[in-house]
């Protein structure tokens, strides 16, 4: 976490010096939203899963959950994404199992692999949407982020909030982490909180809670699965936890439930891993290395026998998914 991010969440008093810039940022965002008009139109509903803050909030597991849920209802979802962290030679990029993660970005690759749904990446989300509708048979579109991509048409907005960090000091950039003010949540269709909120907020009274339940540790090389609840490693081991998440502490909190010592190694969000990253941190081959599934897709090419990833099951408070389904049917 950068120095500025730490200051946001510690609510450091000196950030008031940046408050005038936050007011300007908020004003420019409001103007940009007012003058932007969606340039797409079709009969296929577009559902945006986004947030109002910078950094990860848990959108990816929610998108995977929704894609699988809607497929179970007989729909054919397609997903569009900016592909943050990836750099393709050309866009739009149709993501499949042969797409390099370095081209698609970690999240789109994982979504495509987990859901088998068509996934299209383009920094211009309108271009991604047009390509998806033209080249794939879909009847609902899920947009990975894009709440602030005001030119993108949207029928339903779902805002995801990190229950641990919430809104920090409540300021917009750069004095705080918000891309839009908290009042923006009053305009979205659904609010989903990743984990129980750390404090009460009136804006979250109608929110649904998302929970990540750890199920298995899966070896990157062999595919061996060890139940998380059964103390999967020999006693005396220490877990070397590696992650490149916006909020790594959430991952570490899950691993702290295991009866082992924990060494944590954090990298910037969406970091493109190399073997040298592990060696530079002093990570050895004698103790298990555990990472998220999102990070694991970037480490397959150089994975060692002690590399594992944590497989989680997503649960969302009822009746969120059913209400969304009923709305889409209309």
C-alpha atoms as a PDB file:
ATOM      1  CA  UNK A   1       0.000   0.000   0.000  1.00  0.00           C
ATOM      2  CA  UNK A   2       1.422   3.369  -1.005  1.00  0.00           C
ATOM      3  CA  UNK A   3       2.075   6.199   1.420  1.00  0.00           C
ATOM      4  CA  UNK A   4      -0.969   8.101   0.129  1.00  0.00           C
ATOM      5  CA  UNK A   5      -3.258   5.072   0.476  1.00  0.00           C
ATOM      6  CA  UNK A   6      -2.090   4.548   4.044  1.00  0.00           C
ATOM      7  CA  UNK A   7      -2.904   8.185   4.794  1.00  0.00           C
ATOM      8  CA  UNK A   8      -6.441   7.797   3.351  1.00  0.00           C
ATOM      9  CA  UNK A   9      -7.296   4.844   5.561  1.00  0.00           C
ATOM     10  CA  UNK A  10      -5.585   6.273   8.635  1.00  0.00           C
ATOM     11  CA  UNK A  11      -7.592   9.451   8.000  1.00  0.00           C
ATOM     12  CA  UNK A  12      -4.456  11.543   8.380  1.00  0.00           C
ATOM     13  CA  UNK A  13      -5.182  15.172   9.222  1.00  0.00           C
ATOM     14  CA  UNK A  14      -2.724  16.583   6.663  1.00  0.00           C
ATOM     15  CA  UNK A  15      -4.931  15.342   3.808  1.00  0.00           C
ATOM     16  CA  UNK A  16      -7.105  18.403   4.362  1.00  0.00           C
ATOM     17  CA  UNK A  17      -4.433  20.243   2.362  1.00  0.00           C
ATOM     18  CA  UNK A  18      -5.558  18.256  -0.686  1.00  0.00           C
ATOM     19  CA  UNK A  19      -9.248  18.922  -0.088  1.00  0.00           C
ATOM     20  CA  UNK A  20      -9.491  21.784  -2.661  1.00  0.00           C
ATOM     21  CA  UNK A  21      -8.213  19.397  -5.337  1.00  0.00           C
ATOM     22  CA  UNK A  22     -10.821  16.841  -4.255  1.00  0.00           C
ATOM     23  CA  UNK A  23     -13.561  19.422  -4.712  1.00  0.00           C
ATOM     24  CA  UNK A  24     -12.250  20.155  -8.204  1.00  0.00           C
ATOM     25  CA  UNK A  25     -12.065  16.433  -9.024  1.00  0.00           C
ATOM     26  CA  UNK A  26     -15.638  15.931  -7.833  1.00  0.00           C
ATOM     27  CA  UNK A  27     -16.857  18.896  -9.875  1.00  0.00           C
ATOM     28  CA  UNK A  28     -15.128  17.716 -13.050  1.00  0.00           C
ATOM     29  CA  UNK A  29     -16.515  14.205 -12.581  1.00  0.00           C
ATOM     30  CA  UNK A  30     -20.030  15.580 -12.224  1.00  0.00           C
ATOM     31  CA  UNK A  31     -19.629  17.684 -15.370  1.00  0.00           C
ATOM     32  CA  UNK A  32     -18.224  14.743 -17.317  1.00  0.00           C
ATOM     33  CA  UNK A  33     -21.131  12.579 -16.233  1.00  0.00           C
ATOM     34  CA  UNK A  34     -23.682  15.245 -17.160  1.00  0.00           C
ATOM     35  CA  UNK A  35     -22.340  15.816 -20.674  1.00  0.00           C
ATOM     36  CA  UNK A  36     -21.687  12.134 -21.453  1.00  0.00           C
ATOM     37  CA  UNK A  37     -24.396  10.166 -23.190  1.00  0.00           C
ATOM     38  CA  UNK A  38     -24.318   6.397 -23.836  1.00  0.00           C
ATOM     39  CA  UNK A  39     -23.507   5.608 -27.449  1.00  0.00           C
ATOM     40  CA  UNK A  40     -24.758   2.004 -27.496  1.00  0.00           C
ATOM     41  CA  UNK A  41     -28.276   0.723 -27.853  1.00  0.00           C
ATOM     42  CA  UNK A  42     -29.495  -2.872 -28.058  1.00  0.00           C
ATOM     43  CA  UNK A  43     -32.054  -5.214 -26.596  1.00  0.00           C
ATOM     44  CA  UNK A  44     -29.389  -6.938 -24.487  1.00  0.00           C
ATOM     45  CA  UNK A  45     -29.330  -5.590 -20.914  1.00  0.00           C
ATOM     46  CA  UNK A  46     -26.006  -4.316 -19.563  1.00  0.00           C
ATOM     47  CA  UNK A  47     -25.219  -4.839 -15.869  1.00  0.00           C
ATOM     48  CA  UNK A  48     -22.274  -2.889 -14.476  1.00  0.00           C
ATOM     49  CA  UNK A  49     -20.447  -4.328 -11.476  1.00  0.00           C
ATOM     50  CA  UNK A  50     -18.295  -1.461 -10.238  1.00  0.00           C
ATOM     51  CA  UNK A  51     -17.299   0.619  -7.243  1.00  0.00           C
ATOM     52  CA  UNK A  52     -16.842   4.221  -6.200  1.00  0.00           C
ATOM     53  CA  UNK A  53     -13.333   3.843  -4.781  1.00  0.00           C
ATOM     54  CA  UNK A  54      -9.909   3.035  -6.188  1.00  0.00           C
ATOM     55  CA  UNK A  55      -8.416  -0.340  -5.422  1.00  0.00           C
ATOM     56  CA  UNK A  56      -9.943  -3.778  -5.270  1.00  0.00           C
ATOM     57  CA  UNK A  57     -13.303  -4.345  -3.596  1.00  0.00           C
ATOM     58  CA  UNK A  58     -14.113  -7.901  -4.692  1.00  0.00           C
ATOM     59  CA  UNK A  59     -15.778  -7.376  -8.068  1.00  0.00           C
ATOM     60  CA  UNK A  60     -14.175 -10.409  -9.720  1.00  0.00           C
ATOM     61  CA  UNK A  61     -15.641 -13.114  -7.429  1.00  0.00           C
ATOM     62  CA  UNK A  62     -19.030 -11.421  -7.681  1.00  0.00           C
ATOM     63  CA  UNK A  63     -18.903 -11.394 -11.496  1.00  0.00           C
ATOM     64  CA  UNK A  64     -17.992 -15.092 -11.551  1.00  0.00           C
ATOM     65  CA  UNK A  65     -20.813 -15.835  -9.115  1.00  0.00           C
ATOM     66  CA  UNK A  66     -23.355 -13.885 -11.174  1.00  0.00           C
ATOM     67  CA  UNK A  67     -22.254 -15.398 -14.492  1.00  0.00           C
ATOM     68  CA  UNK A  68     -22.652 -18.904 -13.089  1.00  0.00           C
ATOM     69  CA  UNK A  69     -25.972 -18.055 -11.453  1.00  0.00           C
ATOM     70  CA  UNK A  70     -27.442 -16.545 -14.623  1.00  0.00           C
ATOM     71  CA  UNK A  71     -26.197 -19.474 -16.710  1.00  0.00           C
ATOM     72  CA  UNK A  72     -28.051 -21.725 -14.283  1.00  0.00           C
ATOM     73  CA  UNK A  73     -31.201 -19.733 -15.069  1.00  0.00           C
ATOM     74  CA  UNK A  74     -30.761 -20.415 -18.775  1.00  0.00           C
ATOM     75  CA  UNK A  75     -29.230 -17.083 -19.793  1.00  0.00           C
ATOM     76  CA  UNK A  76     -26.103 -16.639 -21.921  1.00  0.00           C
ATOM     77  CA  UNK A  77     -23.921 -14.027 -20.180  1.00  0.00           C
ATOM     78  CA  UNK A  78     -21.033 -12.223 -21.817  1.00  0.00           C
ATOM     79  CA  UNK A  79     -18.437 -10.133 -19.968  1.00  0.00           C
ATOM     80  CA  UNK A  80     -16.591  -6.977 -20.963  1.00  0.00           C
ATOM     81  CA  UNK A  81     -13.577  -5.547 -19.164  1.00  0.00           C
ATOM     82  CA  UNK A  82     -10.947  -2.863 -19.469  1.00  0.00           C
ATOM     83  CA  UNK A  83      -8.306  -5.529 -18.860  1.00  0.00           C
ATOM     84  CA  UNK A  84      -6.348  -3.619 -16.251  1.00  0.00           C
ATOM     85  CA  UNK A  85      -2.791  -4.928 -15.959  1.00  0.00           C
ATOM     86  CA  UNK A  86      -2.790  -6.375 -19.471  1.00  0.00           C
ATOM     87  CA  UNK A  87      -1.296  -4.973 -22.671  1.00  0.00           C
ATOM     88  CA  UNK A  88      -2.598  -6.551 -25.872  1.00  0.00           C
ATOM     89  CA  UNK A  89      -1.163  -5.851 -29.310  1.00  0.00           C
ATOM     90  CA  UNK A  90      -4.643  -4.986 -30.585  1.00  0.00           C
ATOM     91  CA  UNK A  91      -8.137  -4.419 -29.223  1.00  0.00           C
ATOM     92  CA  UNK A  92     -10.837  -5.613 -28.843  1.00  0.00           C
ATOM     93  CA  UNK A  93      -9.319  -8.798 -27.441  1.00  0.00           C
ATOM     94  CA  UNK A  94     -11.387 -11.984 -27.321  1.00  0.00           C
ATOM     95  CA  UNK A  95     -10.118 -13.867 -24.257  1.00  0.00           C
ATOM     96  CA  UNK A  96      -9.766 -17.646 -24.280  1.00  0.00           C
ATOM     97  CA  UNK A  97      -7.521 -20.314 -22.738  1.00  0.00           C
ATOM     98  CA  UNK A  98      -4.748 -19.489 -25.198  1.00  0.00           C
ATOM     99  CA  UNK A  99      -4.676 -15.765 -24.432  1.00  0.00           C
ATOM    100  CA  UNK A 100      -1.544 -14.710 -22.521  1.00  0.00           C
ATOM    101  CA  UNK A 101      -2.431 -13.295 -19.118  1.00  0.00           C
ATOM    102  CA  UNK A 102      -0.029 -10.462 -19.884  1.00  0.00           C
ATOM    103  CA  UNK A 103      -2.335  -9.473 -22.763  1.00  0.00           C
ATOM    104  CA  UNK A 104      -5.741  -9.884 -21.128  1.00  0.00           C
ATOM    105  CA  UNK A 105      -4.977  -8.969 -17.526  1.00  0.00           C
ATOM    106  CA  UNK A 106      -5.408 -11.389 -14.635  1.00  0.00           C
ATOM    107  CA  UNK A 107      -9.079 -10.791 -13.869  1.00  0.00           C
ATOM    108  CA  UNK A 108     -10.507 -11.242 -17.415  1.00  0.00           C
ATOM    109  CA  UNK A 109      -8.426 -14.404 -17.892  1.00  0.00           C
ATOM    110  CA  UNK A 110      -9.654 -15.871 -14.604  1.00  0.00           C
ATOM    111  CA  UNK A 111     -13.280 -14.940 -15.367  1.00  0.00           C
ATOM    112  CA  UNK A 112     -13.092 -16.592 -18.798  1.00  0.00           C
ATOM    113  CA  UNK A 113     -11.467 -19.715 -17.367  1.00  0.00           C
ATOM    114  CA  UNK A 114     -13.916 -20.082 -14.494  1.00  0.00           C
ATOM    115  CA  UNK A 115     -17.181 -19.283 -16.296  1.00  0.00           C
ATOM    116  CA  UNK A 116     -16.546 -20.397 -19.923  1.00  0.00           C
ATOM    117  CA  UNK A 117     -18.446 -17.255 -20.909  1.00  0.00           C
ATOM    118  CA  UNK A 118     -17.230 -15.023 -23.741  1.00  0.00           C
ATOM    119  CA  UNK A 119     -14.983 -12.282 -22.333  1.00  0.00           C
ATOM    120  CA  UNK A 120     -13.909  -9.267 -24.390  1.00  0.00           C
ATOM    121  CA  UNK A 121     -11.246  -6.804 -23.246  1.00  0.00           C
ATOM    122  CA  UNK A 122     -10.849  -3.246 -24.491  1.00  0.00           C
ATOM    123  CA  UNK A 123      -9.891  -0.010 -22.684  1.00  0.00           C
ATOM    124  CA  UNK A 124     -12.822   1.468 -24.627  1.00  0.00           C
ATOM    125  CA  UNK A 125     -15.705  -0.438 -23.078  1.00  0.00           C
ATOM    126  CA  UNK A 126     -18.125   0.674 -25.788  1.00  0.00           C
ATOM    127  CA  UNK A 127     -15.862  -0.972 -28.337  1.00  0.00           C
ATOM    128  CA  UNK A 128     -15.756  -4.112 -26.185  1.00  0.00           C
ATOM    129  CA  UNK A 129     -19.546  -4.141 -25.940  1.00  0.00           C
ATOM    130  CA  UNK A 130     -20.037  -3.733 -29.685  1.00  0.00           C
ATOM    131  CA  UNK A 131     -17.552  -6.526 -30.432  1.00  0.00           C
ATOM    132  CA  UNK A 132     -19.145  -8.859 -27.875  1.00  0.00           C
ATOM    133  CA  UNK A 133     -22.672  -8.369 -29.228  1.00  0.00           C
ATOM    134  CA  UNK A 134     -21.520  -8.734 -32.829  1.00  0.00           C
ATOM    135  CA  UNK A 135     -19.409 -11.862 -32.380  1.00  0.00           C
ATOM    136  CA  UNK A 136     -21.087 -13.816 -29.578  1.00  0.00           C
ATOM    137  CA  UNK A 137     -24.574 -15.049 -28.830  1.00  0.00           C
ATOM    138  CA  UNK A 138     -25.308 -13.426 -25.473  1.00  0.00           C
ATOM    139  CA  UNK A 139     -28.493 -12.169 -23.868  1.00  0.00           C
ATOM    140  CA  UNK A 140     -27.043 -10.303 -20.880  1.00  0.00           C
ATOM    141  CA  UNK A 141     -23.768  -8.380 -20.529  1.00  0.00           C
ATOM    142  CA  UNK A 142     -21.801  -8.061 -17.288  1.00  0.00           C
ATOM    143  CA  UNK A 143     -19.321  -5.186 -17.249  1.00  0.00           C
ATOM    144  CA  UNK A 144     -16.282  -5.629 -15.025  1.00  0.00           C
ATOM    145  CA  UNK A 145     -16.109  -2.119 -13.563  1.00  0.00           C
ATOM    146  CA  UNK A 146     -17.224   0.868 -15.622  1.00  0.00           C
ATOM    147  CA  UNK A 147     -19.462   2.855 -13.281  1.00  0.00           C
ATOM    148  CA  UNK A 148     -17.418   5.937 -14.144  1.00  0.00           C
ATOM    149  CA  UNK A 149     -17.270   5.053 -17.867  1.00  0.00           C
ATOM    150  CA  UNK A 150     -20.269   7.292 -18.408  1.00  0.00           C
ATOM    151  CA  UNK A 151     -20.492   6.763 -22.166  1.00  0.00           C
ATOM    152  CA  UNK A 152     -21.238   3.084 -21.576  1.00  0.00           C
ATOM    153  CA  UNK A 153     -24.937   2.294 -21.533  1.00  0.00           C
ATOM    154  CA  UNK A 154     -26.149   0.611 -18.382  1.00  0.00           C
ATOM    155  CA  UNK A 155     -29.496  -0.886 -17.392  1.00  0.00           C
ATOM    156  CA  UNK A 156     -28.493  -1.974 -13.887  1.00  0.00           C
ATOM    157  CA  UNK A 157     -25.622  -0.839 -11.651  1.00  0.00           C
ATOM    158  CA  UNK A 158     -24.205  -2.957  -8.824  1.00  0.00           C
ATOM    159  CA  UNK A 159     -21.754  -1.179  -6.538  1.00  0.00           C
ATOM    160  CA  UNK A 160     -19.302  -3.340  -4.587  1.00  0.00           C
ATOM    161  CA  UNK A 161     -17.913  -1.986  -1.302  1.00  0.00           C
ATOM    162  CA  UNK A 162     -14.993  -3.344   0.712  1.00  0.00           C
ATOM    163  CA  UNK A 163     -16.477  -4.034   4.128  1.00  0.00           C
ATOM    164  CA  UNK A 164     -13.130  -3.645   5.898  1.00  0.00           C
ATOM    165  CA  UNK A 165     -12.015  -0.359   4.369  1.00  0.00           C
ATOM    166  CA  UNK A 166     -15.387   1.154   3.408  1.00  0.00           C
ATOM    167  CA  UNK A 167     -14.887   4.800   2.318  1.00  0.00           C
ATOM    168  CA  UNK A 168     -11.789   5.743   4.357  1.00  0.00           C
ATOM    169  CA  UNK A 169     -11.968   9.476   5.104  1.00  0.00           C
ATOM    170  CA  UNK A 170     -14.870  10.024   2.694  1.00  0.00           C
ATOM    171  CA  UNK A 171     -12.933  12.360   0.382  1.00  0.00           C
ATOM    172  CA  UNK A 172     -12.686  12.092  -3.382  1.00  0.00           C
ATOM    173  CA  UNK A 173      -9.310  11.863  -5.082  1.00  0.00           C
ATOM    174  CA  UNK A 174      -6.626  12.913  -4.296  1.00  0.00           C
ATOM    175  CA  UNK A 175      -7.442  13.629  -0.636  1.00  0.00           C
ATOM    176  CA  UNK A 176      -9.248  10.295  -0.367  1.00  0.00           C
ATOM    177  CA  UNK A 177      -9.839   7.090  -2.347  1.00  0.00           C
ATOM    178  CA  UNK A 178     -13.266   7.918  -3.791  1.00  0.00           C
ATOM    179  CA  UNK A 179     -13.853   8.269  -7.524  1.00  0.00           C
ATOM    180  CA  UNK A 180     -17.381   9.493  -6.784  1.00  0.00           C
ATOM    181  CA  UNK A 181     -18.969  10.719  -3.544  1.00  0.00           C
ATOM    182  CA  UNK A 182     -20.650   8.242  -1.207  1.00  0.00           C
ATOM    183  CA  UNK A 183     -24.020   9.769  -2.145  1.00  0.00           C
ATOM    184  CA  UNK A 184     -23.599   8.113  -5.564  1.00  0.00           C
ATOM    185  CA  UNK A 185     -24.621   4.834  -3.914  1.00  0.00           C
ATOM    186  CA  UNK A 186     -28.184   6.149  -3.616  1.00  0.00           C
ATOM    187  CA  UNK A 187     -28.469   5.953  -7.408  1.00  0.00           C
ATOM    188  CA  UNK A 188     -27.353   2.359  -8.006  1.00  0.00           C
ATOM    189  CA  UNK A 189     -29.654  -0.631  -8.213  1.00  0.00           C
ATOM    190  CA  UNK A 190     -27.804  -2.834  -5.739  1.00  0.00           C
ATOM    191  CA  UNK A 191     -25.022  -2.493  -3.181  1.00  0.00           C
ATOM    192  CA  UNK A 192     -22.947  -5.544  -2.278  1.00  0.00           C
ATOM    193  CA  UNK A 193     -20.538  -5.393   0.673  1.00  0.00           C
ATOM    194  CA  UNK A 194     -17.523  -7.703   0.569  1.00  0.00           C
ATOM    195  CA  UNK A 195     -17.534  -8.873   4.180  1.00  0.00           C
ATOM    196  CA  UNK A 196     -19.421  -7.473   7.141  1.00  0.00           C
ATOM    197  CA  UNK A 197     -19.009  -3.676   7.324  1.00  0.00           C
ATOM    198  CA  UNK A 198     -16.512  -2.454   9.894  1.00  0.00           C
ATOM    199  CA  UNK A 199     -18.836   0.395  10.879  1.00  0.00           C
ATOM    200  CA  UNK A 200     -22.420   1.482  10.235  1.00  0.00           C
ATOM    201  CA  UNK A 201     -23.274   3.722   7.279  1.00  0.00           C
ATOM    202  CA  UNK A 202     -26.762   4.894   6.373  1.00  0.00           C
ATOM    203  CA  UNK A 203     -25.918   4.400   2.680  1.00  0.00           C
ATOM    204  CA  UNK A 204     -25.416   0.679   3.311  1.00  0.00           C
ATOM    205  CA  UNK A 205     -28.694  -0.109   5.048  1.00  0.00           C
ATOM    206  CA  UNK A 206     -30.102  -1.909   1.985  1.00  0.00           C
ATOM    207  CA  UNK A 207     -26.835  -3.621   1.043  1.00  0.00           C
ATOM    208  CA  UNK A 208     -26.270  -7.358   0.612  1.00  0.00           C
ATOM    209  CA  UNK A 209     -23.244  -9.037   2.186  1.00  0.00           C
ATOM    210  CA  UNK A 210     -20.849 -11.127   0.101  1.00  0.00           C
ATOM    211  CA  UNK A 211     -18.812 -13.770   1.917  1.00  0.00           C
ATOM    212  CA  UNK A 212     -15.756 -15.653   0.686  1.00  0.00           C
ATOM    213  CA  UNK A 213     -15.570 -19.135   2.211  1.00  0.00           C
ATOM    214  CA  UNK A 214     -12.170 -20.863   1.887  1.00  0.00           C
ATOM    215  CA  UNK A 215     -12.615 -24.419   0.603  1.00  0.00           C
ATOM    216  CA  UNK A 216      -9.397 -25.894  -0.817  1.00  0.00           C
ATOM    217  CA  UNK A 217      -5.708 -25.291  -1.301  1.00  0.00           C
ATOM    218  CA  UNK A 218      -4.807 -26.439  -4.817  1.00  0.00           C
ATOM    219  CA  UNK A 219      -1.275 -27.136  -6.027  1.00  0.00           C
ATOM    220  CA  UNK A 220      -0.314 -25.155  -9.135  1.00  0.00           C
ATOM    221  CA  UNK A 221       1.765 -28.006 -10.599  1.00  0.00           C
ATOM    222  CA  UNK A 222      -0.044 -31.204  -9.668  1.00  0.00           C
ATOM    223  CA  UNK A 223      -3.606 -29.964  -9.148  1.00  0.00           C
ATOM    224  CA  UNK A 224      -3.690 -31.762  -5.786  1.00  0.00           C
ATOM    225  CA  UNK A 225      -6.493 -30.444  -3.571  1.00  0.00           C
ATOM    226  CA  UNK A 226      -6.238 -30.197   0.207  1.00  0.00           C
ATOM    227  CA  UNK A 227      -9.332 -29.233   2.253  1.00  0.00           C
ATOM    228  CA  UNK A 228      -8.743 -25.876   3.899  1.00  0.00           C
ATOM    229  CA  UNK A 229     -10.499 -26.936   7.084  1.00  0.00           C
ATOM    230  CA  UNK A 230      -8.301 -29.996   7.658  1.00  0.00           C
ATOM    231  CA  UNK A 231      -4.942 -28.327   8.510  1.00  0.00           C
ATOM    232  CA  UNK A 232      -3.600 -29.157   5.031  1.00  0.00           C
ATOM    233  CA  UNK A 233       0.158 -28.947   5.724  1.00  0.00           C
ATOM    234  CA  UNK A 234       2.460 -30.690   8.185  1.00  0.00           C
ATOM    235  CA  UNK A 235       2.853 -28.981  11.509  1.00  0.00           C
ATOM    236  CA  UNK A 236       6.048 -26.971  11.708  1.00  0.00           C
ATOM    237  CA  UNK A 237       5.435 -25.415   8.311  1.00  0.00           C
ATOM    238  CA  UNK A 238       5.105 -21.699   7.846  1.00  0.00           C
ATOM    239  CA  UNK A 239       2.843 -20.334   5.130  1.00  0.00           C
ATOM    240  CA  UNK A 240       4.498 -17.879   2.766  1.00  0.00           C
ATOM    241  CA  UNK A 241       1.527 -15.792   1.636  1.00  0.00           C
ATOM    242  CA  UNK A 242       1.983 -13.869  -1.619  1.00  0.00           C
ATOM    243  CA  UNK A 243      -0.586 -11.535  -3.076  1.00  0.00           C
ATOM    244  CA  UNK A 244      -1.079  -8.621  -5.458  1.00  0.00           C
ATOM    245  CA  UNK A 245      -4.494  -7.403  -4.313  1.00  0.00           C
ATOM    246  CA  UNK A 246      -5.924  -3.986  -3.610  1.00  0.00           C
ATOM    247  CA  UNK A 247      -6.666  -5.107  -0.043  1.00  0.00           C
ATOM    248  CA  UNK A 248      -4.208  -7.932   0.787  1.00  0.00           C
ATOM    249  CA  UNK A 249      -5.220  -8.009   4.455  1.00  0.00           C
ATOM    250  CA  UNK A 250      -8.507  -9.732   3.562  1.00  0.00           C
ATOM    251  CA  UNK A 251      -6.525 -12.635   2.076  1.00  0.00           C
ATOM    252  CA  UNK A 252      -4.166 -12.780   5.037  1.00  0.00           C
ATOM    253  CA  UNK A 253      -7.110 -12.862   7.445  1.00  0.00           C
ATOM    254  CA  UNK A 254      -8.374 -16.040   5.751  1.00  0.00           C
ATOM    255  CA  UNK A 255      -4.975 -17.733   6.035  1.00  0.00           C
ATOM    256  CA  UNK A 256      -4.627 -16.766   9.691  1.00  0.00           C
ATOM    257  CA  UNK A 257      -7.434 -19.231  10.409  1.00  0.00           C
ATOM    258  CA  UNK A 258      -4.941 -22.031   9.743  1.00  0.00           C
ATOM    259  CA  UNK A 259      -2.692 -23.342  12.566  1.00  0.00           C
ATOM    260  CA  UNK A 260       0.577 -22.162  11.010  1.00  0.00           C
ATOM    261  CA  UNK A 261       2.870 -19.198  11.201  1.00  0.00           C
ATOM    262  CA  UNK A 262       2.290 -16.682   8.435  1.00  0.00           C
ATOM    263  CA  UNK A 263       4.851 -14.689   6.449  1.00  0.00           C
ATOM    264  CA  UNK A 264       3.185 -12.070   4.237  1.00  0.00           C
ATOM    265  CA  UNK A 265       4.555 -10.683   0.966  1.00  0.00           C
ATOM    266  CA  UNK A 266       2.473  -7.960  -0.688  1.00  0.00           C
ATOM    267  CA  UNK A 267       2.900  -6.638  -4.230  1.00  0.00           C
ATOM    268  CA  UNK A 268       1.041  -3.832  -6.040  1.00  0.00           C
ATOM    269  CA  UNK A 269      -2.450  -4.665  -7.300  1.00  0.00           C
ATOM    270  CA  UNK A 270      -2.366  -6.611 -10.615  1.00  0.00           C
ATOM    271  CA  UNK A 271       1.413  -7.056 -10.374  1.00  0.00           C
ATOM    272  CA  UNK A 272       2.836  -9.260 -13.147  1.00  0.00           C
ATOM    273  CA  UNK A 273       4.806 -11.885 -11.247  1.00  0.00           C
ATOM    274  CA  UNK A 274       8.175 -13.370 -12.181  1.00  0.00           C
ATOM    275  CA  UNK A 275      10.221 -15.998 -10.373  1.00  0.00           C
ATOM    276  CA  UNK A 276      12.677 -13.238  -9.437  1.00  0.00           C
ATOM    277  CA  UNK A 277       9.896 -11.564  -7.389  1.00  0.00           C
ATOM    278  CA  UNK A 278       9.756 -14.604  -5.132  1.00  0.00           C
ATOM    279  CA  UNK A 279      13.520 -14.919  -4.872  1.00  0.00           C
ATOM    280  CA  UNK A 280      13.910 -11.225  -4.004  1.00  0.00           C
ATOM    281  CA  UNK A 281      11.507 -11.639  -1.083  1.00  0.00           C
ATOM    282  CA  UNK A 282      13.510 -14.568   0.283  1.00  0.00           C
ATOM    283  CA  UNK A 283      10.676 -17.018  -0.359  1.00  0.00           C
ATOM    284  CA  UNK A 284      12.083 -20.541  -0.128  1.00  0.00           C
ATOM    285  CA  UNK A 285      11.141 -23.967  -1.433  1.00  0.00           C
ATOM    286  CA  UNK A 286      10.820 -25.616   1.971  1.00  0.00           C
ATOM    287  CA  UNK A 287       7.556 -24.064   3.130  1.00  0.00           C
ATOM    288  CA  UNK A 288       4.271 -23.755   1.189  1.00  0.00           C
ATOM    289  CA  UNK A 289       3.697 -20.623  -0.875  1.00  0.00           C
ATOM    290  CA  UNK A 290      -0.001 -19.709  -0.921  1.00  0.00           C
ATOM    291  CA  UNK A 291      -1.628 -17.131  -3.194  1.00  0.00           C
ATOM    292  CA  UNK A 292      -5.045 -16.180  -4.526  1.00  0.00           C
ATOM    293  CA  UNK A 293      -6.429 -17.832  -7.647  1.00  0.00           C
ATOM    294  CA  UNK A 294      -6.215 -14.481  -9.450  1.00  0.00           C
ATOM    295  CA  UNK A 295      -2.481 -14.274  -8.736  1.00  0.00           C
ATOM    296  CA  UNK A 296      -1.924 -17.959  -9.485  1.00  0.00           C
ATOM    297  CA  UNK A 297      -2.860 -17.595 -13.168  1.00  0.00           C
ATOM    298  CA  UNK A 298       0.197 -15.331 -13.556  1.00  0.00           C
ATOM    299  CA  UNK A 299       2.564 -17.818 -11.908  1.00  0.00           C
ATOM    300  CA  UNK A 300       1.825 -21.045 -13.789  1.00  0.00           C
ATOM    301  CA  UNK A 301       4.783 -20.686 -16.137  1.00  0.00           C
ATOM    302  CA  UNK A 302       7.349 -20.827 -13.326  1.00  0.00           C
ATOM    303  CA  UNK A 303       5.403 -22.520 -10.511  1.00  0.00           C
ATOM    304  CA  UNK A 304       7.355 -24.672  -8.060  1.00  0.00           C
ATOM    305  CA  UNK A 305       6.110 -27.804  -6.317  1.00  0.00           C
ATOM    306  CA  UNK A 306       5.350 -25.815  -3.135  1.00  0.00           C
ATOM    307  CA  UNK A 307       3.089 -23.249  -4.900  1.00  0.00           C
ATOM    308  CA  UNK A 308      -0.578 -23.417  -3.873  1.00  0.00           C
ATOM    309  CA  UNK A 309      -3.611 -21.215  -4.384  1.00  0.00           C
ATOM    310  CA  UNK A 310      -6.673 -20.764  -2.216  1.00  0.00           C
ATOM    311  CA  UNK A 311      -9.992 -21.760  -3.784  1.00  0.00           C
ATOM    312  CA  UNK A 312     -12.957 -19.945  -2.274  1.00  0.00           C
ATOM    313  CA  UNK A 313     -16.728 -20.306  -2.508  1.00  0.00           C
ATOM    314  CA  UNK A 314     -18.758 -17.121  -2.931  1.00  0.00           C
ATOM    315  CA  UNK A 315     -21.970 -16.655  -0.972  1.00  0.00           C
ATOM    316  CA  UNK A 316     -24.185 -13.584  -1.351  1.00  0.00           C
ATOM    317  CA  UNK A 317     -26.954 -12.703   1.046  1.00  0.00           C
ATOM    318  CA  UNK A 318     -30.421 -13.539  -0.228  1.00  0.00           C
ATOM    319  CA  UNK A 319     -32.499 -12.418  -2.069  1.00  0.00           C
ATOM    320  CA  UNK A 320     -29.903 -10.457  -4.076  1.00  0.00           C
ATOM    321  CA  UNK A 321     -29.411 -12.867  -7.000  1.00  0.00           C
ATOM    322  CA  UNK A 322     -33.113 -13.688  -7.277  1.00  0.00           C
ATOM    323  CA  UNK A 323     -34.109 -10.008  -7.315  1.00  0.00           C
ATOM    324  CA  UNK A 324     -31.578  -9.346 -10.055  1.00  0.00           C
ATOM    325  CA  UNK A 325     -32.883 -12.304 -12.041  1.00  0.00           C
ATOM    326  CA  UNK A 326     -36.469 -11.103 -11.719  1.00  0.00           C
ATOM    327  CA  UNK A 327     -35.441  -7.637 -12.865  1.00  0.00           C
ATOM    328  CA  UNK A 328     -33.609  -9.009 -15.886  1.00  0.00           C
ATOM    329  CA  UNK A 329     -36.638 -11.084 -16.882  1.00  0.00           C
ATOM    330  CA  UNK A 330     -38.651  -7.872 -17.146  1.00  0.00           C
END
